[in-house]
C-alpha atoms as a PDB file:
ATOM      1  CA  UNK A   1       0.000   0.000   0.000  1.00  0.00           C
ATOM      2  CA  UNK A   2       1.260   3.454  -0.853  1.00  0.00           C
ATOM      3  CA  UNK A   3       2.079   5.861   1.954  1.00  0.00           C
ATOM      4  CA  UNK A   4       0.887   9.458   1.661  1.00  0.00           C
ATOM      5  CA  UNK A   5       3.999  11.644   1.433  1.00  0.00           C
ATOM      6  CA  UNK A   6       2.474  15.087   0.902  1.00  0.00           C
ATOM      7  CA  UNK A   7      -0.492  16.988  -0.456  1.00  0.00           C
ATOM      8  CA  UNK A   8      -0.209  19.669  -3.100  1.00  0.00           C
ATOM      9  CA  UNK A   9      -3.001  22.201  -2.711  1.00  0.00           C
ATOM     10  CA  UNK A  10      -3.630  24.169  -5.894  1.00  0.00           C
ATOM     11  CA  UNK A  11      -5.668  27.346  -5.592  1.00  0.00           C
ATOM     12  CA  UNK A  12      -6.900  29.121  -8.720  1.00  0.00           C
ATOM     13  CA  UNK A  13      -7.285  32.707  -7.561  1.00  0.00           C
ATOM     14  CA  UNK A  14      -5.831  36.134  -8.076  1.00  0.00           C
ATOM     15  CA  UNK A  15      -2.486  36.961  -6.480  1.00  0.00           C
ATOM     16  CA  UNK A  16      -1.278  36.783  -3.867  1.00  0.00           C
ATOM     17  CA  UNK A  17      -3.120  33.602  -2.792  1.00  0.00           C
ATOM     18  CA  UNK A  18      -3.351  31.778  -6.118  1.00  0.00           C
ATOM     19  CA  UNK A  19      -0.731  29.078  -6.619  1.00  0.00           C
ATOM     20  CA  UNK A  20       0.464  25.684  -5.452  1.00  0.00           C
ATOM     21  CA  UNK A  21       1.225  24.916  -1.833  1.00  0.00           C
ATOM     22  CA  UNK A  22       2.896  21.780  -0.468  1.00  0.00           C
ATOM     23  CA  UNK A  23       1.436  20.328   2.709  1.00  0.00           C
ATOM     24  CA  UNK A  24       3.925  17.945   4.247  1.00  0.00           C
ATOM     25  CA  UNK A  25       3.391  15.988   7.459  1.00  0.00           C
ATOM     26  CA  UNK A  26       4.056  17.656  10.788  1.00  0.00           C
ATOM     27  CA  UNK A  27       5.320  14.660  12.725  1.00  0.00           C
ATOM     28  CA  UNK A  28       3.025  11.639  12.548  1.00  0.00           C
ATOM     29  CA  UNK A  29       0.135  13.746  11.208  1.00  0.00           C
ATOM     30  CA  UNK A  30      -0.265  16.169   8.344  1.00  0.00           C
ATOM     31  CA  UNK A  31      -1.671  18.847  10.612  1.00  0.00           C
ATOM     32  CA  UNK A  32      -0.845  20.276  14.016  1.00  0.00           C
ATOM     33  CA  UNK A  33      -3.514  20.565  16.705  1.00  0.00           C
ATOM     34  CA  UNK A  34      -3.929  24.256  15.820  1.00  0.00           C
ATOM     35  CA  UNK A  35      -4.360  23.390  12.125  1.00  0.00           C
ATOM     36  CA  UNK A  36      -6.918  20.683  12.931  1.00  0.00           C
ATOM     37  CA  UNK A  37      -8.701  23.290  15.066  1.00  0.00           C
ATOM     38  CA  UNK A  38      -8.672  25.745  12.156  1.00  0.00           C
ATOM     39  CA  UNK A  39     -10.215  23.110   9.882  1.00  0.00           C
ATOM     40  CA  UNK A  40     -12.841  22.264  12.512  1.00  0.00           C
ATOM     41  CA  UNK A  41     -13.797  25.841  13.352  1.00  0.00           C
ATOM     42  CA  UNK A  42     -13.922  26.950   9.715  1.00  0.00           C
ATOM     43  CA  UNK A  43     -15.635  23.861   8.280  1.00  0.00           C
ATOM     44  CA  UNK A  44     -17.159  21.857  11.130  1.00  0.00           C
ATOM     45  CA  UNK A  45     -15.149  18.797  10.042  1.00  0.00           C
ATOM     46  CA  UNK A  46     -13.476  17.037  12.965  1.00  0.00           C
ATOM     47  CA  UNK A  47      -9.995  15.497  12.614  1.00  0.00           C
ATOM     48  CA  UNK A  48     -11.308  11.921  12.457  1.00  0.00           C
ATOM     49  CA  UNK A  49     -13.628  12.936   9.598  1.00  0.00           C
ATOM     50  CA  UNK A  50     -11.063  14.661   7.351  1.00  0.00           C
ATOM     51  CA  UNK A  51     -10.121  11.582   5.287  1.00  0.00           C
ATOM     52  CA  UNK A  52     -13.749  10.585   4.790  1.00  0.00           C
ATOM     53  CA  UNK A  53     -14.754  14.135   3.840  1.00  0.00           C
ATOM     54  CA  UNK A  54     -11.918  14.354   1.296  1.00  0.00           C
ATOM     55  CA  UNK A  55     -12.771  10.923  -0.179  1.00  0.00           C
ATOM     56  CA  UNK A  56     -16.401  11.980  -0.583  1.00  0.00           C
ATOM     57  CA  UNK A  57     -15.556  15.282  -2.279  1.00  0.00           C
ATOM     58  CA  UNK A  58     -16.771  17.517   0.554  1.00  0.00           C
ATOM     59  CA  UNK A  59     -15.836  20.991  -0.680  1.00  0.00           C
ATOM     60  CA  UNK A  60     -15.535  22.295   2.879  1.00  0.00           C
ATOM     61  CA  UNK A  61     -12.525  20.069   3.545  1.00  0.00           C
ATOM     62  CA  UNK A  62     -10.761  21.481   0.486  1.00  0.00           C
ATOM     63  CA  UNK A  63     -11.379  24.972   1.851  1.00  0.00           C
ATOM     64  CA  UNK A  64      -9.851  23.739   5.126  1.00  0.00           C
ATOM     65  CA  UNK A  65      -6.772  22.385   3.317  1.00  0.00           C
ATOM     66  CA  UNK A  66      -6.429  25.692   1.456  1.00  0.00           C
ATOM     67  CA  UNK A  67      -6.677  27.697   4.673  1.00  0.00           C
ATOM     68  CA  UNK A  68      -3.968  25.583   6.327  1.00  0.00           C
ATOM     69  CA  UNK A  69      -1.736  25.850   3.252  1.00  0.00           C
ATOM     70  CA  UNK A  70      -2.190  29.615   3.160  1.00  0.00           C
ATOM     71  CA  UNK A  71      -1.587  29.911   6.897  1.00  0.00           C
ATOM     72  CA  UNK A  72       1.692  27.997   6.543  1.00  0.00           C
ATOM     73  CA  UNK A  73       2.628  30.394   3.724  1.00  0.00           C
ATOM     74  CA  UNK A  74       1.991  33.423   5.957  1.00  0.00           C
ATOM     75  CA  UNK A  75      -1.498  34.362   4.720  1.00  0.00           C
ATOM     76  CA  UNK A  76      -3.503  34.134   7.927  1.00  0.00           C
ATOM     77  CA  UNK A  77      -6.104  36.824   8.323  1.00  0.00           C
ATOM     78  CA  UNK A  78      -9.884  37.181   8.185  1.00  0.00           C
ATOM     79  CA  UNK A  79      -9.800  38.792   4.718  1.00  0.00           C
ATOM     80  CA  UNK A  80      -7.955  35.790   3.221  1.00  0.00           C
ATOM     81  CA  UNK A  81     -10.468  33.431   4.830  1.00  0.00           C
ATOM     82  CA  UNK A  82     -13.336  35.415   3.316  1.00  0.00           C
ATOM     83  CA  UNK A  83     -11.720  35.320  -0.133  1.00  0.00           C
ATOM     84  CA  UNK A  84     -11.157  31.554   0.097  1.00  0.00           C
ATOM     85  CA  UNK A  85     -14.758  30.893   1.157  1.00  0.00           C
ATOM     86  CA  UNK A  86     -16.016  33.022  -1.742  1.00  0.00           C
ATOM     87  CA  UNK A  87     -14.066  31.069  -4.382  1.00  0.00           C
ATOM     88  CA  UNK A  88     -15.818  28.573  -6.642  1.00  0.00           C
ATOM     89  CA  UNK A  89     -15.458  24.895  -5.648  1.00  0.00           C
ATOM     90  CA  UNK A  90     -13.462  24.252  -8.835  1.00  0.00           C
ATOM     91  CA  UNK A  91     -10.832  26.766  -7.672  1.00  0.00           C
ATOM     92  CA  UNK A  92      -9.307  24.010  -5.516  1.00  0.00           C
ATOM     93  CA  UNK A  93      -7.402  20.920  -6.522  1.00  0.00           C
ATOM     94  CA  UNK A  94      -5.606  18.625  -4.116  1.00  0.00           C
ATOM     95  CA  UNK A  95      -3.015  16.181  -5.425  1.00  0.00           C
ATOM     96  CA  UNK A  96      -1.810  13.318  -3.265  1.00  0.00           C
ATOM     97  CA  UNK A  97       1.876  12.430  -3.554  1.00  0.00           C
ATOM     98  CA  UNK A  98       2.564   8.913  -2.348  1.00  0.00           C
ATOM     99  CA  UNK A  99       5.545   6.628  -1.962  1.00  0.00           C
ATOM    100  CA  UNK A 100       5.562   2.867  -1.988  1.00  0.00           C
ATOM    101  CA  UNK A 101       6.001   1.159   1.348  1.00  0.00           C
ATOM    102  CA  UNK A 102       9.230  -0.842   0.832  1.00  0.00           C
ATOM    103  CA  UNK A 103       7.866  -3.731   2.891  1.00  0.00           C
ATOM    104  CA  UNK A 104       4.885  -4.109   0.585  1.00  0.00           C
ATOM    105  CA  UNK A 105       6.555  -3.952  -2.826  1.00  0.00           C
ATOM    106  CA  UNK A 106       5.451  -7.058  -4.695  1.00  0.00           C
ATOM    107  CA  UNK A 107       8.220  -9.332  -5.908  1.00  0.00           C
ATOM    108  CA  UNK A 108       7.909 -11.210  -9.201  1.00  0.00           C
ATOM    109  CA  UNK A 109       6.941 -14.882  -8.968  1.00  0.00           C
ATOM    110  CA  UNK A 110       9.875 -17.138  -8.109  1.00  0.00           C
ATOM    111  CA  UNK A 111       9.766 -18.910 -11.515  1.00  0.00           C
ATOM    112  CA  UNK A 112      10.153 -15.593 -13.311  1.00  0.00           C
ATOM    113  CA  UNK A 113      13.459 -15.055 -11.516  1.00  0.00           C
ATOM    114  CA  UNK A 114      14.785 -18.430 -12.701  1.00  0.00           C
ATOM    115  CA  UNK A 115      13.904 -17.952 -16.385  1.00  0.00           C
ATOM    116  CA  UNK A 116      16.752 -16.917 -18.710  1.00  0.00           C
ATOM    117  CA  UNK A 117      16.720 -13.376 -19.993  1.00  0.00           C
END
């Protein structure tokens, strides 16, 4: 199974907030307690519900990801939050960057290793 390495949050908006933002894990989680709190207070989505909300295309969670990405980039103020909430749902794209878990990489069948090249 692939391990999630980072998220790339793409925001289609006018400068200065439009662009691509990397969200890399902060320790064992992608978000700090404060960032989870930001997502919860802005969207109502609790930390245990984030994965499910993202899998089901809940637009609020993408707003939450965008707000965290912008906060990490130094854009943390009420005006930015208002702008983000007023964007169209298609203004957000989140790309998942994964890496293979080395313990789960499938090996070829044993016979295939014995066959001449």
